[in-house]
N, C-alpha and C. Protein backbone atom coordinates (compact mmCIF):
# COMPACT_ATOMS: atom_id res chain seq x y z
N MET A 1 173.60 -63.09 -109.90
CA MET A 1 174.88 -62.47 -109.59
C MET A 1 175.66 -63.30 -108.58
N ILE A 2 174.96 -63.86 -107.58
CA ILE A 2 175.63 -64.66 -106.57
C ILE A 2 176.26 -65.90 -107.19
N MET A 3 175.56 -66.55 -108.12
CA MET A 3 176.09 -67.75 -108.74
C MET A 3 177.35 -67.44 -109.54
N THR A 4 177.38 -66.30 -110.22
CA THR A 4 178.56 -65.94 -110.99
C THR A 4 179.75 -65.76 -110.06
N LYS A 5 179.54 -65.09 -108.92
CA LYS A 5 180.63 -64.94 -107.96
C LYS A 5 181.04 -66.28 -107.40
N THR A 6 180.06 -67.15 -107.15
CA THR A 6 180.38 -68.49 -106.65
C THR A 6 181.27 -69.22 -107.64
N LYS A 7 180.93 -69.14 -108.91
CA LYS A 7 181.71 -69.81 -109.93
C LYS A 7 183.10 -69.18 -110.06
N LYS A 8 183.15 -67.89 -109.90
CA LYS A 8 184.44 -67.21 -109.98
C LYS A 8 185.34 -67.64 -108.83
N TYR A 9 184.80 -67.65 -107.62
CA TYR A 9 185.60 -67.98 -106.44
C TYR A 9 185.73 -69.48 -106.21
N PHE A 10 185.02 -70.26 -106.99
CA PHE A 10 185.15 -71.71 -106.91
C PHE A 10 186.59 -72.13 -107.23
N SER A 11 187.29 -71.32 -107.98
CA SER A 11 188.68 -71.61 -108.31
C SER A 11 189.55 -71.70 -107.06
N PHE A 12 189.14 -71.06 -105.96
CA PHE A 12 189.90 -71.19 -104.72
C PHE A 12 189.97 -72.64 -104.26
N PHE A 13 188.92 -73.42 -104.54
CA PHE A 13 188.92 -74.83 -104.16
C PHE A 13 189.82 -75.66 -105.08
N LEU A 14 189.98 -75.19 -106.30
CA LEU A 14 190.78 -75.95 -107.25
C LEU A 14 192.26 -75.57 -107.23
N LEU A 15 192.59 -74.46 -106.61
CA LEU A 15 194.01 -74.10 -106.47
C LEU A 15 194.81 -75.17 -105.72
N PRO A 16 194.32 -75.65 -104.58
CA PRO A 16 195.09 -76.70 -103.88
C PRO A 16 195.22 -77.97 -104.71
N LEU A 17 194.21 -78.31 -105.48
CA LEU A 17 194.30 -79.50 -106.31
C LEU A 17 195.38 -79.35 -107.37
N SER A 18 195.47 -78.16 -107.96
CA SER A 18 196.52 -77.96 -108.96
C SER A 18 197.90 -77.98 -108.31
N LEU A 19 197.99 -77.50 -107.08
CA LEU A 19 199.27 -77.56 -106.37
C LEU A 19 199.65 -79.00 -106.02
N ILE A 20 198.69 -79.81 -105.63
CA ILE A 20 198.96 -81.22 -105.35
C ILE A 20 199.48 -81.90 -106.61
N GLY A 21 198.82 -81.65 -107.74
CA GLY A 21 199.28 -82.23 -109.01
C GLY A 21 200.66 -81.75 -109.40
N LEU A 22 200.93 -80.49 -109.14
CA LEU A 22 202.24 -79.92 -109.45
C LEU A 22 203.33 -80.56 -108.59
N ILE A 23 203.08 -80.69 -107.30
CA ILE A 23 204.04 -81.32 -106.40
C ILE A 23 204.26 -82.79 -106.78
N ASP A 24 203.19 -83.47 -107.09
CA ASP A 24 203.26 -84.88 -107.50
C ASP A 24 204.11 -85.03 -108.77
N SER A 25 203.83 -84.21 -109.76
CA SER A 25 204.59 -84.26 -111.02
C SER A 25 206.05 -83.91 -110.80
N PHE A 26 206.30 -82.94 -109.93
CA PHE A 26 207.68 -82.55 -109.63
C PHE A 26 208.43 -83.67 -108.90
N ALA A 27 207.73 -84.39 -108.01
CA ALA A 27 208.35 -85.52 -107.31
C ALA A 27 208.76 -86.60 -108.31
N ILE A 28 207.90 -86.89 -109.26
CA ILE A 28 208.23 -87.87 -110.30
C ILE A 28 209.43 -87.37 -111.11
N HIS A 29 209.40 -86.10 -111.45
CA HIS A 29 210.51 -85.51 -112.20
C HIS A 29 211.83 -85.67 -111.43
N GLN A 30 211.80 -85.41 -110.14
CA GLN A 30 213.00 -85.54 -109.32
C GLN A 30 213.48 -86.99 -109.26
N LYS A 31 212.54 -87.92 -109.26
CA LYS A 31 212.89 -89.34 -109.27
C LYS A 31 213.59 -89.69 -110.59
N ILE A 32 213.03 -89.24 -111.69
CA ILE A 32 213.55 -89.60 -113.02
C ILE A 32 214.88 -88.91 -113.29
N TYR A 33 214.94 -87.60 -113.05
CA TYR A 33 216.11 -86.82 -113.47
C TYR A 33 217.07 -86.47 -112.33
N GLY A 34 216.60 -86.56 -111.08
CA GLY A 34 217.48 -86.21 -109.97
C GLY A 34 217.96 -87.42 -109.20
N GLY A 35 217.42 -88.59 -109.53
CA GLY A 35 217.84 -89.80 -108.85
C GLY A 35 217.32 -89.94 -107.43
N TYR A 36 216.29 -89.16 -107.07
CA TYR A 36 215.74 -89.25 -105.72
C TYR A 36 214.93 -90.52 -105.56
N TYR A 37 214.91 -91.03 -104.34
CA TYR A 37 214.15 -92.23 -104.03
C TYR A 37 212.71 -91.86 -103.74
N LEU A 38 211.78 -92.54 -104.39
CA LEU A 38 210.35 -92.39 -104.10
C LEU A 38 209.82 -93.76 -103.71
N PRO A 39 209.32 -93.90 -102.49
CA PRO A 39 208.78 -95.20 -102.10
C PRO A 39 207.50 -95.51 -102.87
N CYS A 40 207.32 -96.75 -103.25
CA CYS A 40 206.12 -97.16 -103.96
C CYS A 40 205.32 -98.07 -103.06
N VAL A 41 204.11 -97.68 -102.71
CA VAL A 41 203.31 -98.44 -101.75
C VAL A 41 202.25 -99.32 -102.41
N ILE A 42 202.06 -99.16 -103.71
CA ILE A 42 201.15 -100.06 -104.43
C ILE A 42 201.89 -100.62 -105.64
N GLY A 43 201.48 -101.75 -106.09
CA GLY A 43 202.14 -102.34 -107.24
C GLY A 43 203.51 -102.90 -106.89
N LYS A 44 204.18 -103.42 -107.89
CA LYS A 44 205.51 -104.03 -107.69
C LYS A 44 206.56 -102.95 -107.51
N SER A 45 206.58 -102.00 -108.42
CA SER A 45 207.58 -100.92 -108.38
C SER A 45 207.11 -99.80 -109.29
N CYS A 46 207.23 -98.59 -108.80
CA CYS A 46 206.86 -97.44 -109.64
C CYS A 46 207.78 -97.32 -110.84
N ASP A 47 208.99 -97.83 -110.70
CA ASP A 47 209.96 -97.75 -111.80
C ASP A 47 209.44 -98.45 -113.06
N ILE A 48 208.67 -99.52 -112.88
CA ILE A 48 208.12 -100.23 -114.03
C ILE A 48 207.28 -99.28 -114.87
N VAL A 49 206.51 -98.44 -114.22
CA VAL A 49 205.65 -97.48 -114.92
C VAL A 49 206.46 -96.26 -115.38
N LEU A 50 207.26 -95.71 -114.47
CA LEU A 50 207.97 -94.46 -114.75
C LEU A 50 209.03 -94.58 -115.84
N TYR A 51 209.54 -95.78 -116.05
CA TYR A 51 210.56 -95.99 -117.08
C TYR A 51 210.04 -96.84 -118.24
N SER A 52 208.74 -97.01 -118.32
CA SER A 52 208.17 -97.82 -119.40
C SER A 52 208.24 -97.07 -120.73
N LYS A 53 207.97 -97.77 -121.80
CA LYS A 53 207.97 -97.13 -123.12
C LYS A 53 206.82 -96.14 -123.27
N TYR A 54 205.86 -96.19 -122.35
CA TYR A 54 204.71 -95.27 -122.38
C TYR A 54 204.94 -94.01 -121.55
N SER A 55 206.13 -93.86 -120.97
CA SER A 55 206.38 -92.76 -120.04
C SER A 55 206.78 -91.45 -120.71
N THR A 56 206.82 -91.44 -122.04
CA THR A 56 207.13 -90.20 -122.75
C THR A 56 206.05 -89.89 -123.78
N LEU A 57 205.94 -88.63 -124.09
CA LEU A 57 205.02 -88.16 -125.12
C LEU A 57 205.80 -87.17 -125.99
N PHE A 58 205.95 -87.51 -127.25
CA PHE A 58 206.76 -86.71 -128.19
C PHE A 58 208.19 -86.56 -127.68
N GLY A 59 208.70 -87.62 -127.07
CA GLY A 59 210.07 -87.62 -126.59
C GLY A 59 210.29 -86.90 -125.27
N VAL A 60 209.25 -86.42 -124.65
CA VAL A 60 209.35 -85.69 -123.38
C VAL A 60 208.68 -86.53 -122.29
N HIS A 61 209.37 -86.71 -121.17
CA HIS A 61 208.81 -87.52 -120.09
C HIS A 61 207.51 -86.89 -119.58
N LEU A 62 206.57 -87.76 -119.20
CA LEU A 62 205.27 -87.29 -118.74
C LEU A 62 205.34 -86.41 -117.50
N SER A 63 206.41 -86.52 -116.73
CA SER A 63 206.54 -85.64 -115.56
C SER A 63 206.62 -84.18 -115.98
N TYR A 64 207.31 -83.90 -117.09
CA TYR A 64 207.36 -82.52 -117.62
C TYR A 64 205.98 -82.06 -118.06
N TRP A 65 205.25 -82.95 -118.74
CA TRP A 65 203.89 -82.61 -119.17
C TRP A 65 203.00 -82.34 -117.96
N GLY A 66 203.17 -83.12 -116.90
CA GLY A 66 202.38 -82.91 -115.69
C GLY A 66 202.69 -81.57 -115.04
N ILE A 67 203.97 -81.23 -114.96
CA ILE A 67 204.36 -79.94 -114.40
C ILE A 67 203.76 -78.80 -115.23
N ALA A 68 203.84 -78.92 -116.53
CA ALA A 68 203.28 -77.87 -117.41
C ALA A 68 201.76 -77.80 -117.26
N PHE A 69 201.10 -78.95 -117.24
CA PHE A 69 199.64 -78.98 -117.15
C PHE A 69 199.15 -78.36 -115.84
N TYR A 70 199.70 -78.83 -114.73
CA TYR A 70 199.22 -78.33 -113.44
C TYR A 70 199.61 -76.86 -113.21
N SER A 71 200.71 -76.42 -113.77
CA SER A 71 201.07 -75.00 -113.70
C SER A 71 200.06 -74.17 -114.49
N PHE A 72 199.67 -74.68 -115.65
CA PHE A 72 198.67 -74.00 -116.50
C PHE A 72 197.33 -73.92 -115.78
N ILE A 73 196.91 -75.02 -115.15
CA ILE A 73 195.64 -75.04 -114.41
C ILE A 73 195.70 -74.05 -113.24
N PHE A 74 196.82 -74.02 -112.55
CA PHE A 74 196.99 -73.08 -111.43
C PHE A 74 196.88 -71.64 -111.92
N LEU A 75 197.55 -71.34 -113.02
CA LEU A 75 197.49 -69.99 -113.59
C LEU A 75 196.07 -69.63 -114.02
N LEU A 76 195.39 -70.56 -114.67
CA LEU A 76 194.00 -70.30 -115.08
C LEU A 76 193.10 -70.07 -113.88
N ALA A 77 193.32 -70.82 -112.81
CA ALA A 77 192.51 -70.63 -111.60
C ALA A 77 192.73 -69.23 -111.02
N LEU A 78 193.98 -68.80 -110.98
CA LEU A 78 194.27 -67.45 -110.49
C LEU A 78 193.63 -66.38 -111.38
N LEU A 79 193.77 -66.55 -112.67
CA LEU A 79 193.16 -65.58 -113.60
C LEU A 79 191.64 -65.55 -113.43
N ASN A 80 191.06 -66.71 -113.22
CA ASN A 80 189.61 -66.77 -113.03
C ASN A 80 189.20 -66.07 -111.74
N ILE A 81 190.00 -66.19 -110.71
CA ILE A 81 189.69 -65.53 -109.45
C ILE A 81 189.73 -64.01 -109.62
N PHE A 82 190.74 -63.51 -110.31
CA PHE A 82 190.90 -62.06 -110.43
C PHE A 82 190.04 -61.44 -111.53
N PHE A 83 189.78 -62.18 -112.60
CA PHE A 83 189.05 -61.60 -113.72
C PHE A 83 187.67 -62.23 -113.92
N GLY A 84 187.52 -63.51 -113.66
CA GLY A 84 186.22 -64.17 -113.71
C GLY A 84 185.51 -64.12 -115.05
N LYS A 85 186.22 -64.14 -116.14
CA LYS A 85 185.61 -64.07 -117.46
C LYS A 85 185.13 -65.45 -117.91
N LYS A 86 184.02 -65.47 -118.64
CA LYS A 86 183.47 -66.73 -119.15
C LYS A 86 184.49 -67.49 -120.00
N PHE A 87 185.21 -66.77 -120.82
CA PHE A 87 186.18 -67.40 -121.71
C PHE A 87 187.27 -68.11 -120.90
N LEU A 88 187.73 -67.48 -119.81
CA LEU A 88 188.74 -68.11 -118.95
C LEU A 88 188.20 -69.38 -118.31
N ARG A 89 186.95 -69.32 -117.85
CA ARG A 89 186.35 -70.50 -117.24
C ARG A 89 186.19 -71.61 -118.27
N PHE A 90 185.84 -71.25 -119.49
CA PHE A 90 185.70 -72.26 -120.54
C PHE A 90 187.05 -72.97 -120.78
N ILE A 91 188.12 -72.20 -120.90
CA ILE A 91 189.45 -72.79 -121.10
C ILE A 91 189.84 -73.64 -119.88
N TYR A 92 189.55 -73.12 -118.71
CA TYR A 92 189.86 -73.79 -117.46
C TYR A 92 189.17 -75.16 -117.38
N TYR A 93 187.84 -75.16 -117.55
CA TYR A 93 187.09 -76.41 -117.45
C TYR A 93 187.44 -77.36 -118.59
N SER A 94 187.63 -76.84 -119.77
CA SER A 94 188.01 -77.69 -120.90
C SER A 94 189.36 -78.36 -120.65
N SER A 95 190.29 -77.62 -120.09
CA SER A 95 191.62 -78.17 -119.78
C SER A 95 191.52 -79.26 -118.73
N ILE A 96 190.71 -79.05 -117.72
CA ILE A 96 190.54 -80.06 -116.68
C ILE A 96 189.96 -81.34 -117.26
N PHE A 97 188.95 -81.20 -118.12
CA PHE A 97 188.33 -82.40 -118.69
C PHE A 97 189.26 -83.08 -119.69
N ALA A 98 190.04 -82.32 -120.42
CA ALA A 98 191.04 -82.93 -121.31
C ALA A 98 192.08 -83.69 -120.48
N GLY A 99 192.50 -83.10 -119.37
CA GLY A 99 193.42 -83.77 -118.47
C GLY A 99 192.84 -85.05 -117.89
N MET A 100 191.54 -85.04 -117.63
CA MET A 100 190.87 -86.23 -117.11
C MET A 100 190.87 -87.35 -118.14
N ILE A 101 190.58 -87.00 -119.37
CA ILE A 101 190.57 -88.01 -120.44
C ILE A 101 191.96 -88.59 -120.62
N PHE A 102 192.98 -87.76 -120.61
CA PHE A 102 194.35 -88.25 -120.75
C PHE A 102 194.74 -89.11 -119.55
N SER A 103 194.32 -88.72 -118.36
CA SER A 103 194.62 -89.51 -117.17
C SER A 103 193.93 -90.87 -117.21
N LEU A 104 192.72 -90.91 -117.74
CA LEU A 104 192.04 -92.21 -117.91
C LEU A 104 192.84 -93.10 -118.86
N TYR A 105 193.35 -92.52 -119.92
CA TYR A 105 194.18 -93.27 -120.87
C TYR A 105 195.43 -93.81 -120.18
N LEU A 106 196.08 -92.97 -119.37
CA LEU A 106 197.29 -93.41 -118.67
C LEU A 106 196.97 -94.50 -117.65
N LEU A 107 195.83 -94.40 -116.98
CA LEU A 107 195.42 -95.44 -116.04
C LEU A 107 195.18 -96.75 -116.79
N TYR A 108 194.54 -96.67 -117.95
CA TYR A 108 194.34 -97.85 -118.79
C TYR A 108 195.68 -98.49 -119.14
N LEU A 109 196.66 -97.67 -119.54
CA LEU A 109 197.98 -98.20 -119.87
C LEU A 109 198.60 -98.93 -118.69
N GLN A 110 198.50 -98.33 -117.51
CA GLN A 110 199.09 -98.94 -116.33
C GLN A 110 198.45 -100.28 -116.00
N ILE A 111 197.14 -100.34 -116.06
CA ILE A 111 196.43 -101.55 -115.66
C ILE A 111 196.55 -102.66 -116.71
N PHE A 112 196.29 -102.31 -117.97
CA PHE A 112 196.14 -103.34 -118.98
C PHE A 112 197.39 -103.60 -119.83
N LEU A 113 198.23 -102.63 -120.04
CA LEU A 113 199.40 -102.85 -120.89
C LEU A 113 200.70 -103.00 -120.08
N ILE A 114 200.88 -102.18 -119.08
CA ILE A 114 202.09 -102.26 -118.26
C ILE A 114 201.91 -103.32 -117.18
N GLY A 115 200.70 -103.44 -116.66
CA GLY A 115 200.41 -104.44 -115.63
C GLY A 115 200.90 -104.06 -114.25
N ASN A 116 201.03 -102.78 -114.00
CA ASN A 116 201.50 -102.30 -112.69
C ASN A 116 200.97 -100.88 -112.47
N LEU A 117 200.71 -100.54 -111.22
CA LEU A 117 200.27 -99.19 -110.88
C LEU A 117 201.40 -98.45 -110.16
N CYS A 118 201.48 -97.18 -110.44
CA CYS A 118 202.41 -96.28 -109.75
C CYS A 118 201.58 -95.38 -108.83
N VAL A 119 201.92 -95.35 -107.55
CA VAL A 119 201.14 -94.58 -106.59
C VAL A 119 201.09 -93.10 -106.96
N TYR A 120 202.16 -92.58 -107.52
CA TYR A 120 202.20 -91.15 -107.86
C TYR A 120 201.31 -90.85 -109.07
N CYS A 121 201.22 -91.80 -109.96
CA CYS A 121 200.32 -91.67 -111.10
C CYS A 121 198.86 -91.76 -110.64
N VAL A 122 198.60 -92.62 -109.67
CA VAL A 122 197.25 -92.76 -109.12
C VAL A 122 196.86 -91.48 -108.35
N VAL A 123 197.82 -90.88 -107.66
CA VAL A 123 197.55 -89.60 -106.99
C VAL A 123 197.17 -88.55 -108.02
N SER A 124 197.91 -88.49 -109.11
CA SER A 124 197.60 -87.53 -110.16
C SER A 124 196.22 -87.80 -110.76
N PHE A 125 195.92 -89.08 -111.00
CA PHE A 125 194.60 -89.44 -111.53
C PHE A 125 193.50 -89.02 -110.55
N SER A 126 193.69 -89.32 -109.28
CA SER A 126 192.68 -88.96 -108.26
C SER A 126 192.50 -87.45 -108.18
N ASP A 127 193.59 -86.73 -108.30
CA ASP A 127 193.58 -85.27 -108.25
C ASP A 127 192.74 -84.69 -109.40
N ILE A 128 193.02 -85.15 -110.59
CA ILE A 128 192.29 -84.61 -111.75
C ILE A 128 190.85 -85.12 -111.77
N LEU A 129 190.61 -86.31 -111.23
CA LEU A 129 189.24 -86.82 -111.11
C LEU A 129 188.43 -85.93 -110.18
N LEU A 130 188.99 -85.59 -109.04
CA LEU A 130 188.30 -84.71 -108.09
C LEU A 130 188.06 -83.33 -108.70
N ALA A 131 189.06 -82.80 -109.40
CA ALA A 131 188.89 -81.51 -110.07
C ALA A 131 187.79 -81.57 -111.12
N SER A 132 187.71 -82.68 -111.84
CA SER A 132 186.67 -82.85 -112.86
C SER A 132 185.28 -82.93 -112.24
N VAL A 133 185.17 -83.67 -111.15
CA VAL A 133 183.87 -83.79 -110.47
C VAL A 133 183.43 -82.43 -109.93
N LEU A 134 184.34 -81.73 -109.26
CA LEU A 134 184.00 -80.42 -108.72
C LEU A 134 183.64 -79.43 -109.84
N SER A 135 184.38 -79.48 -110.93
CA SER A 135 184.08 -78.61 -112.07
C SER A 135 182.73 -78.94 -112.67
N SER A 136 182.40 -80.21 -112.73
CA SER A 136 181.10 -80.63 -113.26
C SER A 136 179.97 -80.09 -112.40
N LEU A 137 180.16 -80.09 -111.10
CA LEU A 137 179.14 -79.55 -110.20
C LEU A 137 178.90 -78.07 -110.48
N VAL A 138 179.94 -77.34 -110.78
CA VAL A 138 179.80 -75.92 -111.08
C VAL A 138 179.12 -75.72 -112.43
N ILE A 139 179.56 -76.48 -113.42
CA ILE A 139 179.04 -76.30 -114.77
C ILE A 139 177.56 -76.66 -114.86
N PHE A 140 177.19 -77.76 -114.23
CA PHE A 140 175.85 -78.29 -114.40
C PHE A 140 174.89 -77.94 -113.27
N ASN A 141 175.13 -76.83 -112.60
CA ASN A 141 174.17 -76.40 -111.60
C ASN A 141 172.99 -75.72 -112.31
N LYS A 142 172.04 -75.25 -111.56
CA LYS A 142 170.83 -74.68 -112.16
C LYS A 142 171.08 -73.40 -112.92
N ASN A 143 172.11 -72.64 -112.55
CA ASN A 143 172.45 -71.44 -113.27
C ASN A 143 173.34 -71.85 -114.44
N LYS A 144 172.85 -71.75 -115.65
CA LYS A 144 173.53 -72.30 -116.81
C LYS A 144 174.67 -71.46 -117.35
N SER A 145 174.93 -70.29 -116.82
CA SER A 145 176.04 -69.50 -117.34
C SER A 145 177.30 -69.83 -116.57
N PHE A 146 178.23 -70.49 -117.23
CA PHE A 146 179.49 -70.80 -116.55
C PHE A 146 180.56 -69.94 -117.14
């Protein structure tokens, strides 16, 4: 019973991570559509990545996808805290791992095809990587019911 509660309340640790991802995605969105200045501390220029041909998916800029993804993760975390159902946790963890795979693909694009890194994209990658590692610790503990 204690492990189930631990897994249910583990979402409290992932709420801040989803908020960081949401803020990061929103900052990119503001740069692209609001014309705000975002300093780039790694690479040549974040603009190379943010305005590349790889910056959209189905005609929608990746910043919108990031906002939608991190909002969804935040909502799932809240639902898991209040309801703690196995099905919610399954969707939650599956979404995090799908996000990790997509982030790995985007990192590959930045390094090998675009040839430049964007600090905000790296923040998003680090955020989802940490969420994936923490989720893995919960899933693969000795109590096998997640």
